[in-house]
Protein backbone atom coordinates (compact mmCIF):
# COMPACT_ATOMS: atom_id res chain seq x y z
CA UNK A 1 11.64 255.07 -47.80
CA UNK A 2 9.00 253.49 -45.57
CA UNK A 3 8.77 253.45 -41.77
CA UNK A 4 7.52 250.04 -40.66
CA UNK A 5 5.53 249.36 -37.49
CA UNK A 6 5.39 245.77 -36.14
CA UNK A 7 3.27 244.35 -33.32
CA UNK A 8 5.90 243.03 -30.87
CA UNK A 9 3.45 240.59 -29.29
CA UNK A 10 2.99 238.75 -32.59
CA UNK A 11 5.85 239.84 -34.83
CA UNK A 12 3.33 240.80 -37.52
CA UNK A 13 3.51 244.02 -39.51
CA UNK A 14 0.99 246.69 -38.59
CA UNK A 15 1.60 249.53 -41.01
CA UNK A 16 3.98 251.33 -43.33
CA UNK A 17 4.43 255.09 -43.44
CA UNK A 18 6.14 256.85 -46.33
CA UNK A 19 8.84 259.31 -45.24
CA UNK A 20 8.46 262.92 -46.27
CA UNK A 21 10.12 264.17 -49.43
CA UNK A 22 12.56 267.07 -49.33
CA UNK A 23 9.79 269.28 -50.69
CA UNK A 24 7.38 268.19 -47.94
CA UNK A 25 9.99 268.85 -45.26
CA UNK A 26 10.56 272.32 -46.69
CA UNK A 27 6.83 272.99 -46.59
CA UNK A 28 6.67 271.84 -42.95
CA UNK A 29 9.53 274.14 -41.98
CA UNK A 30 7.90 277.05 -43.79
CA UNK A 31 4.58 276.35 -42.08
CA UNK A 32 6.28 276.16 -38.68
CA UNK A 33 8.05 279.47 -39.20
CA UNK A 34 4.83 281.25 -40.22
CA UNK A 35 2.85 279.58 -37.44
CA UNK A 36 5.34 280.68 -34.81
CA UNK A 37 4.85 284.34 -35.64
CA UNK A 38 1.12 283.97 -35.07
CA UNK A 39 1.26 281.56 -32.12
CA UNK A 40 3.70 283.60 -30.05
CA UNK A 41 1.35 286.57 -30.40
CA UNK A 42 -1.64 284.51 -29.29
CA UNK A 43 -2.60 285.40 -25.70
CA UNK A 44 -1.35 282.78 -23.28
CA UNK A 45 -4.88 282.08 -22.05
CA UNK A 46 -5.91 281.14 -25.59
CA UNK A 47 -2.93 278.82 -25.86
CA UNK A 48 -3.98 277.36 -22.51
CA UNK A 49 -7.43 276.65 -23.93
CA UNK A 50 -5.83 274.47 -26.62
CA UNK A 51 -3.98 272.51 -23.93
CA UNK A 52 -7.19 272.08 -21.95
CA UNK A 53 -8.95 270.71 -25.03
CA UNK A 54 -6.05 268.33 -25.68
CA UNK A 55 -6.41 267.05 -22.11
CA UNK A 56 -10.12 266.44 -22.66
CA UNK A 57 -9.47 264.52 -25.88
CA UNK A 58 -6.74 262.39 -24.29
CA UNK A 59 -9.07 261.35 -21.51
CA UNK A 60 -12.04 260.70 -23.78
CA UNK A 61 -9.97 258.69 -26.26
CA UNK A 62 -7.79 256.90 -23.70
CA UNK A 63 -8.95 253.31 -24.54
CA UNK A 64 -8.40 253.77 -28.28
CA UNK A 65 -5.05 255.48 -27.80
CA UNK A 66 -3.98 252.82 -25.30
CA UNK A 67 -4.77 250.04 -27.77
CA UNK A 68 -2.61 251.81 -30.35
CA UNK A 69 0.29 252.12 -27.91
CA UNK A 70 0.02 248.47 -26.90
CA UNK A 71 -0.10 247.26 -30.49
CA UNK A 72 2.85 249.34 -31.67
CA UNK A 73 5.29 248.89 -28.78
CA UNK A 74 3.83 246.21 -26.51
CA UNK A 75 3.12 248.04 -23.26
CA UNK A 76 0.39 246.48 -21.07
CA UNK A 77 -3.00 248.00 -21.89
CA UNK A 78 -3.67 249.27 -18.38
CA UNK A 79 -0.28 251.05 -18.37
CA UNK A 80 -1.13 252.59 -21.73
CA UNK A 81 -4.41 253.91 -20.32
CA UNK A 82 -2.43 255.46 -17.46
CA UNK A 83 0.00 257.00 -19.97
CA UNK A 84 -2.79 258.73 -21.88
CA UNK A 85 -4.24 260.09 -18.63
CA UNK A 86 -0.83 261.31 -17.48
CA UNK A 87 -0.49 263.24 -20.74
CA UNK A 88 -3.87 264.81 -20.04
CA UNK A 89 -2.74 265.75 -16.53
CA UNK A 90 0.37 267.44 -17.93
CA UNK A 91 -1.60 269.41 -20.53
CA UNK A 92 -4.01 270.55 -17.84
CA UNK A 93 -1.14 271.43 -15.49
CA UNK A 94 0.41 273.80 -18.03
CA UNK A 95 -2.96 275.18 -19.05
CA UNK A 96 -3.47 276.18 -15.43
CA UNK A 97 0.09 277.21 -14.52
CA UNK A 98 1.90 278.45 -17.65
CA UNK A 99 0.92 282.07 -17.09
CA UNK A 100 2.31 281.97 -13.56
CA UNK A 101 5.50 280.15 -14.62
CA UNK A 102 6.16 282.69 -17.36
CA UNK A 103 5.27 285.84 -15.45
CA UNK A 104 7.90 288.59 -15.37
CA UNK A 105 10.32 288.13 -12.47
CA UNK A 106 11.39 291.30 -10.73
CA UNK A 107 15.09 291.76 -9.99
CA UNK A 108 17.17 294.18 -7.90
CA UNK A 109 19.18 296.77 -9.86
CA UNK A 110 20.39 299.84 -7.92
CA UNK A 111 16.97 301.41 -7.57
CA UNK A 112 16.07 301.10 -11.25
CA UNK A 113 13.31 298.81 -12.42
CA UNK A 114 14.55 295.46 -13.74
CA UNK A 115 12.90 292.17 -14.51
CA UNK A 116 13.29 288.95 -16.48
CA UNK A 117 10.76 288.22 -19.21
CA UNK A 118 10.38 284.68 -20.60
CA UNK A 119 9.70 284.62 -24.32
CA UNK A 120 9.41 281.69 -26.76
CA UNK A 121 12.33 280.76 -28.99
CA UNK A 122 10.62 279.52 -32.16
CA UNK A 123 10.22 276.20 -34.00
CA UNK A 124 11.61 273.28 -31.97
CA UNK A 125 12.53 269.91 -33.45
CA UNK A 126 11.50 267.11 -31.09
CA UNK A 127 13.14 263.71 -31.61
CA UNK A 128 11.09 261.23 -29.62
CA UNK A 129 11.43 257.51 -28.75
CA UNK A 130 9.11 254.52 -28.89
CA UNK A 131 9.03 253.42 -25.25
CA UNK A 132 6.51 255.98 -23.94
CA UNK A 133 5.15 257.02 -27.33
CA UNK A 134 2.63 259.53 -25.97
CA UNK A 135 4.12 260.62 -22.65
CA UNK A 136 7.57 261.55 -23.93
CA UNK A 137 6.01 263.77 -26.60
CA UNK A 138 3.46 265.51 -24.38
CA UNK A 139 6.04 265.97 -21.62
CA UNK A 140 8.03 268.09 -24.05
CA UNK A 141 5.26 269.57 -26.21
CA UNK A 142 2.78 270.76 -23.58
CA UNK A 143 5.16 273.29 -21.94
CA UNK A 144 6.77 274.21 -25.27
CA UNK A 145 3.43 275.05 -26.87
CA UNK A 146 2.14 276.80 -23.75
CA UNK A 147 5.21 279.06 -23.88
CA UNK A 148 4.47 280.03 -27.48
CA UNK A 149 6.92 277.79 -29.33
CA UNK A 150 5.86 275.50 -32.19
CA UNK A 151 6.89 271.86 -32.52
CA UNK A 152 8.07 269.62 -35.35
CA UNK A 153 8.07 266.05 -34.02
CA UNK A 154 10.13 263.24 -35.49
CA UNK A 155 8.69 260.20 -33.75
CA UNK A 156 10.27 256.75 -33.65
CA UNK A 157 9.64 254.80 -36.88
CA UNK A 158 8.11 251.86 -35.02
CA UNK A 159 5.44 254.06 -33.43
CA UNK A 160 4.42 256.08 -36.47
CA UNK A 161 0.76 255.48 -35.70
CA UNK A 162 1.17 257.10 -32.30
CA UNK A 163 2.94 260.04 -33.91
CA UNK A 164 0.06 260.63 -36.30
CA UNK A 165 -2.51 260.24 -33.50
CA UNK A 166 -0.75 262.88 -31.39
CA UNK A 167 -0.78 265.36 -34.27
CA UNK A 168 -4.49 264.68 -34.70
CA UNK A 169 -5.13 265.44 -31.02
CA UNK A 170 -3.48 268.85 -31.27
CA UNK A 171 -5.41 269.68 -34.44
CA UNK A 172 -8.73 268.67 -32.89
CA UNK A 173 -7.82 270.62 -29.76
CA UNK A 174 -7.68 273.78 -31.84
CA UNK A 175 -3.96 274.26 -32.45
CA UNK A 176 -3.63 276.32 -35.66
CA UNK A 177 -1.95 274.79 -38.69
CA UNK A 178 1.81 274.53 -38.34
CA UNK A 179 1.84 274.82 -34.54
CA UNK A 180 2.36 271.08 -34.03
CA UNK A 181 3.45 268.87 -36.94
CA UNK A 182 4.22 265.17 -37.14
CA UNK A 183 7.38 264.77 -39.20
CA UNK A 184 7.85 261.18 -40.46
CA UNK A 185 11.41 261.42 -41.72
CA UNK A 186 14.40 259.09 -41.94
CA UNK A 187 17.45 259.47 -39.71
CA UNK A 188 19.56 260.75 -42.59
CA UNK A 189 17.13 263.66 -43.08
CA UNK A 190 17.58 264.94 -39.53
CA UNK A 191 20.94 266.80 -39.87
CA UNK A 192 19.56 269.09 -42.56
CA UNK A 193 16.49 269.86 -40.44
CA UNK A 194 18.68 270.72 -37.45
CA UNK A 195 20.87 272.92 -39.65
CA UNK A 196 17.91 274.85 -41.07
CA UNK A 197 17.93 278.38 -39.60
CA UNK A 198 14.19 278.22 -38.97
CA UNK A 199 14.73 275.51 -36.34
CA UNK A 200 15.99 277.17 -33.16
CA UNK A 201 16.28 274.26 -30.73
CA UNK A 202 16.22 270.47 -30.51
CA UNK A 203 14.69 268.35 -27.75
CA UNK A 204 15.72 264.69 -27.63
CA UNK A 205 14.52 261.80 -25.55
CA UNK A 206 16.36 258.59 -26.35
CA UNK A 207 19.59 256.71 -26.01
CA UNK A 208 22.85 258.35 -24.98
CA UNK A 209 24.27 257.46 -28.39
CA UNK A 210 21.43 259.27 -30.16
CA UNK A 211 21.72 262.25 -27.82
CA UNK A 212 25.43 262.63 -28.50
CA UNK A 213 24.88 262.55 -32.25
CA UNK A 214 22.10 265.15 -32.14
CA UNK A 215 23.96 267.38 -29.68
CA UNK A 216 27.05 267.33 -31.90
CA UNK A 217 24.99 268.33 -34.93
CA UNK A 218 23.13 271.02 -33.01
CA UNK A 219 26.37 272.33 -31.55
CA UNK A 220 27.77 272.92 -35.01
CA UNK A 221 24.92 275.34 -35.60
CA UNK A 222 24.73 276.76 -32.06
CA UNK A 223 21.23 275.39 -31.49
CA UNK A 224 19.90 274.96 -27.97
CA UNK A 225 19.33 271.34 -26.91
CA UNK A 226 17.47 269.56 -24.15
CA UNK A 227 18.60 265.94 -23.78
CA UNK A 228 16.82 263.28 -21.72
CA UNK A 229 18.88 260.17 -22.31
CA UNK A 230 19.63 256.75 -20.88
CA UNK A 231 20.01 255.73 -17.28
CA UNK A 232 21.24 252.94 -15.05
CA UNK A 233 19.40 254.08 -11.96
CA UNK A 234 20.41 252.69 -8.57
CA UNK A 235 18.04 251.79 -5.77
CA UNK A 236 19.85 251.68 -2.43
CA UNK A 237 18.25 249.44 0.21
CA UNK A 238 19.54 249.93 3.75
CA UNK A 239 18.91 247.75 6.85
CA UNK A 240 16.24 250.07 8.26
CA UNK A 241 14.14 249.90 5.08
CA UNK A 242 10.67 248.39 5.04
CA UNK A 243 11.68 245.45 2.83
CA UNK A 244 8.18 244.58 1.66
CA UNK A 245 7.54 248.14 0.48
CA UNK A 246 11.00 248.34 -1.08
CA UNK A 247 10.45 245.11 -3.00
CA UNK A 248 7.03 246.24 -4.20
CA UNK A 249 8.36 249.57 -5.47
CA UNK A 250 11.49 248.10 -7.06
CA UNK A 251 9.58 245.35 -8.87
CA UNK A 252 7.14 247.95 -10.15
CA UNK A 253 9.96 250.23 -11.26
CA UNK A 254 11.95 247.43 -12.91
CA UNK A 255 9.03 245.92 -14.85
CA UNK A 256 6.94 249.00 -15.69
CA UNK A 257 6.65 249.36 -19.47
CA UNK A 258 8.10 245.85 -19.78
CA UNK A 259 11.30 247.13 -18.19
CA UNK A 260 11.87 249.65 -20.98
CA UNK A 261 12.13 252.89 -19.04
CA UNK A 262 15.11 255.21 -18.68
CA UNK A 263 14.22 256.00 -15.05
CA UNK A 264 13.56 252.41 -14.01
CA UNK A 265 15.61 250.96 -11.18
CA UNK A 266 18.24 248.85 -12.89
CA UNK A 267 20.90 248.32 -10.19
CA UNK A 268 19.61 247.28 -6.77
CA UNK A 269 22.29 247.99 -4.17
CA UNK A 270 21.51 246.19 -0.92
CA UNK A 271 23.27 246.31 2.45
CA UNK A 272 24.64 242.87 3.28
CA UNK A 273 22.72 242.77 6.56
CA UNK A 274 19.43 242.43 4.65
CA UNK A 275 20.66 241.19 1.26
CA UNK A 276 19.52 237.58 1.60
CA UNK A 277 16.07 238.47 2.93
CA UNK A 278 15.59 241.17 0.33
CA UNK A 279 16.77 239.04 -2.61
CA UNK A 280 14.49 236.17 -1.66
CA UNK A 281 11.47 238.46 -1.63
CA UNK A 282 12.51 240.17 -4.85
CA UNK A 283 12.89 236.86 -6.69
CA UNK A 284 9.52 235.59 -5.46
CA UNK A 285 7.81 238.81 -6.54
CA UNK A 286 9.41 238.78 -10.00
CA UNK A 287 8.49 235.13 -10.53
CA UNK A 288 4.87 235.88 -9.65
CA UNK A 289 4.44 238.33 -12.55
CA UNK A 290 2.34 237.22 -15.52
CA UNK A 291 3.98 237.56 -18.95
CA UNK A 292 1.90 237.61 -22.12
CA UNK A 293 -0.48 239.48 -24.39
CA UNK A 294 -0.35 243.16 -23.40
CA UNK A 295 -4.06 243.55 -24.20
CA UNK A 296 -4.88 241.02 -21.46
CA UNK A 297 -5.44 243.13 -18.35
CA UNK A 298 -4.21 240.30 -16.09
CA UNK A 299 -0.75 240.50 -17.69
CA UNK A 300 2.00 242.45 -15.89
CA UNK A 301 4.79 242.22 -18.50
CA UNK A 302 4.34 242.28 -22.25
CA UNK A 303 6.94 241.85 -25.02
CA UNK A 304 10.02 243.90 -25.63
CA UNK A 305 9.48 246.40 -28.41
CA UNK A 306 11.44 244.60 -31.13
CA UNK A 307 13.39 241.49 -32.00
CA UNK A 308 16.57 243.57 -31.89
CA UNK A 309 15.77 244.81 -28.37
CA UNK A 310 15.27 241.27 -27.11
CA UNK A 311 18.41 240.04 -28.84
CA UNK A 312 20.45 242.83 -27.23
CA UNK A 313 19.08 242.16 -23.75
CA UNK A 314 19.55 238.39 -24.05
CA UNK A 315 23.13 238.95 -25.15
CA UNK A 316 23.83 241.27 -22.22
CA UNK A 317 22.46 238.77 -19.71
CA UNK A 318 24.39 235.92 -21.34
CA UNK A 319 27.61 237.94 -21.11
CA UNK A 320 27.02 238.54 -17.40
CA UNK A 321 26.39 234.85 -16.78
CA UNK A 322 29.46 233.83 -18.77
CA UNK A 323 31.53 236.14 -16.56
CA UNK A 324 30.19 234.54 -13.37
CA UNK A 325 26.89 236.26 -12.55
CA UNK A 326 24.18 234.16 -10.92
CA UNK A 327 20.68 233.89 -12.39
CA UNK A 328 18.12 233.81 -9.57
CA UNK A 329 15.18 233.62 -12.00
CA UNK A 330 14.47 234.10 -15.70
CA UNK A 331 17.53 234.72 -17.79
CA UNK A 332 16.49 233.37 -21.21
CA UNK A 333 14.16 234.64 -23.94
CA UNK A 334 10.79 232.91 -24.09
CA UNK A 335 9.98 230.75 -27.11
CA UNK A 336 7.06 231.29 -29.45
CA UNK A 337 5.82 234.31 -31.40
CA UNK A 338 6.55 237.82 -30.19
CA UNK A 339 9.55 239.30 -28.43
CA UNK A 340 8.98 238.18 -24.84
CA UNK A 341 11.63 238.13 -22.13
CA UNK A 342 10.82 236.97 -18.59
CA UNK A 343 11.31 238.98 -15.39
CA UNK A 344 14.89 238.21 -14.39
CA UNK A 345 17.05 238.70 -11.31
CA UNK A 346 20.85 238.59 -11.49
CA UNK A 347 23.25 238.49 -8.56
CA UNK A 348 27.00 238.15 -7.87
CA UNK A 349 27.67 240.39 -10.85
CA UNK A 350 31.34 240.96 -11.74
CA UNK A 351 32.69 244.41 -12.53
CA UNK A 352 33.06 245.03 -16.25
CA UNK A 353 29.92 243.13 -17.27
CA UNK A 354 26.92 244.74 -19.00
CA UNK A 355 24.82 244.71 -15.81
CA UNK A 356 27.54 246.73 -14.07
CA UNK A 357 28.59 249.02 -16.91
CA UNK A 358 25.63 249.44 -19.26
CA UNK A 359 21.90 250.06 -19.31
CA UNK A 360 19.81 246.87 -19.46
CA UNK A 361 16.57 247.87 -21.19
CA UNK A 362 14.17 245.15 -20.16
CA UNK A 363 12.75 243.41 -17.05
CA UNK A 364 16.13 242.49 -15.54
CA UNK A 365 17.01 243.48 -11.97
CA UNK A 366 20.72 243.40 -11.07
CA UNK A 367 21.38 242.93 -7.33
CA UNK A 368 24.63 244.08 -5.70
CA UNK A 369 25.61 243.51 -2.05
CA UNK A 370 27.55 246.20 -0.16
CA UNK A 371 29.00 246.33 3.35
CA UNK A 372 28.04 249.87 4.39
CA UNK A 373 26.64 253.25 3.41
CA UNK A 374 29.87 254.55 1.86
CA UNK A 375 30.16 251.45 -0.32
CA UNK A 376 26.52 251.86 -1.41
CA UNK A 377 27.09 255.46 -2.46
CA UNK A 378 30.32 254.62 -4.26
CA UNK A 379 28.60 251.88 -6.25
CA UNK A 380 25.56 254.05 -6.98
CA UNK A 381 27.90 256.64 -8.51
CA UNK A 382 30.05 254.09 -10.37
CA UNK A 383 28.29 254.68 -13.68
CA UNK A 384 28.45 257.05 -16.62
CA UNK A 385 24.75 257.77 -16.07
CA UNK A 386 23.05 260.15 -13.66
CA UNK A 387 19.32 260.23 -14.30
CA UNK A 388 17.54 259.16 -11.12
CA UNK A 389 18.07 257.22 -7.90
CA UNK A 390 15.85 255.66 -5.25
CA UNK A 391 16.68 255.33 -1.56
CA UNK A 392 15.01 252.94 0.87
CA UNK A 393 15.78 253.70 4.51
CA UNK A 394 14.11 255.00 7.67
CA UNK A 395 17.30 256.45 9.13
CA UNK A 396 17.31 260.24 8.74
CA UNK A 397 21.10 260.53 8.74
CA UNK A 398 21.39 257.84 6.04
CA UNK A 399 18.71 259.48 3.95
CA UNK A 400 20.40 262.87 4.20
CA UNK A 401 23.76 261.40 3.16
CA UNK A 402 22.27 259.53 0.22
CA UNK A 403 20.35 262.56 -1.04
CA UNK A 404 23.43 264.76 -0.80
CA UNK A 405 26.05 262.38 -2.18
CA UNK A 406 24.36 260.40 -4.97
CA UNK A 407 25.07 261.92 -8.39
CA UNK A 408 21.70 262.10 -10.14
CA UNK A 409 19.13 264.50 -11.49
CA UNK A 410 16.61 263.32 -8.91
CA UNK A 411 16.49 261.21 -5.76
CA UNK A 412 13.27 259.61 -4.52
CA UNK A 413 13.11 258.35 -0.94
CA UNK A 414 11.07 255.22 -0.15
CA UNK A 415 9.35 255.21 -3.53
CA UNK A 416 10.03 254.58 -7.20
CA UNK A 417 11.49 257.32 -9.38
CA UNK A 418 8.83 258.92 -11.58
CA UNK A 419 8.20 262.04 -13.61
CA UNK A 420 5.62 264.56 -12.47
CA UNK A 421 4.53 267.70 -14.35
CA UNK A 422 4.92 269.74 -11.15
CA UNK A 423 8.62 268.81 -10.73
CA UNK A 424 11.67 269.40 -12.93
CA UNK A 425 12.92 266.23 -14.61
CA UNK A 426 16.28 265.44 -16.21
CA UNK A 427 19.73 264.03 -15.62
CA UNK A 428 23.44 264.70 -15.44
CA UNK A 429 26.54 263.02 -16.88
CA UNK A 430 25.65 260.77 -19.85
CA UNK A 431 21.97 260.96 -18.96
CA UNK A 432 21.77 264.35 -20.62
CA UNK A 433 21.27 267.99 -19.74
CA UNK A 434 18.48 270.48 -19.38
CA UNK A 435 15.18 269.95 -17.60
CA UNK A 436 11.63 269.15 -18.62
CA UNK A 437 8.47 269.71 -16.57
CA UNK A 438 7.79 272.10 -13.72
CA UNK A 439 8.67 275.78 -13.99
CA UNK A 440 12.20 274.95 -15.15
CA UNK A 441 10.85 272.80 -17.96
CA UNK A 442 8.72 275.51 -19.56
CA UNK A 443 11.52 278.06 -19.23
CA UNK A 444 14.10 275.72 -20.79
CA UNK A 445 12.81 276.58 -24.27
CA UNK A 446 12.42 280.28 -23.59
CA UNK A 447 14.63 283.32 -23.96
CA UNK A 448 15.13 284.65 -20.43
CA UNK A 449 15.29 288.29 -21.48
CA UNK A 450 16.69 290.79 -18.98
CA UNK A 451 14.89 294.14 -19.07
CA UNK A 452 16.29 297.24 -17.30
CA UNK A 453 14.39 300.54 -17.19
CA UNK A 454 15.92 303.76 -15.83
């Protein structure tokens, strides 16, 4: 079987990658098992040196890596440059902080000495998506490798070139053979890899549907999982908000990565006192964005990643409109080559439609009017998802209530939701479980071993 990569800006094929045979998969698993025994025994400062070298390579190669990202999944070139640099930041963060994060933690125990020691688990299967083809991998791999685990990465088929490039970076950074392996395999090969006793955990970033399937398979074999899944993040805009700053942040959040981000604002919940003023500014800002070739640095929004992704989004918007939603701007796929969809704003959205119930993965902002704070919180929580939320207000009591009562893995006040290597990241409900990044992220794939000494 071949994994095919297509340039979404042109619709033309870029490359084909042959999937691994059963024998090659077995060899990779054997290499990972042997590598883990050596890597876990490698002093943490030596592992940190590998991460530091990876950071240096990411920064030095950023233009080339960015061009690869843009060609394989369509993200604007300047955003791809920023993605490579963010990966470097994360590698450097764990190179500098892993030893502190993993230090023994003393505990009270009736006068006896007791502490918690964090030790690596073993080979981890990483199942990674196409939308942030470098960031999602390094977000998981940097802390996992720093802790002494080894990684087998099944990347998305459409971004096979990125998967191979990431493996090359780790090799050139000095990671020994078997410590990080790119695993180009088909979906039907994954259950057997999860079941293999040499694989001790699975980390997934992707859709809720994919996360459920992997978690079910891992659960059958009692394998630890970390799931970062879909989201339908709310942004609550209250009357005291600075509307210009709120619009700027929400437009950025909704159109970053061509709107294909799990933590993007998708439902904009606006108090009726400022709804008309806010919506007018939002529509004007969305209409001002340039759509086109992602390699053109004047372009804000490139293509969706595939024909199927654009077809799905167009169908979701059409279903909303058919049910009575209003299109303030955009709303129809652009003609011509590539998989372009314009920045779109929907309003007057009925309950039960895709914009209310589902995740819209593209540059579509759904605006909802509410009468008060309680209604805003109720609507923010009226979703199966719970990844992130943004709050725009200058009222301290409102902010406190929104932080406390919104069901999400993170709440950002007066700014767009983003991941940061210094902070734990992850969701609740159908957005997954477990945390990446920060101290919690590196410990997620560790055995927290209690030690008691009389």
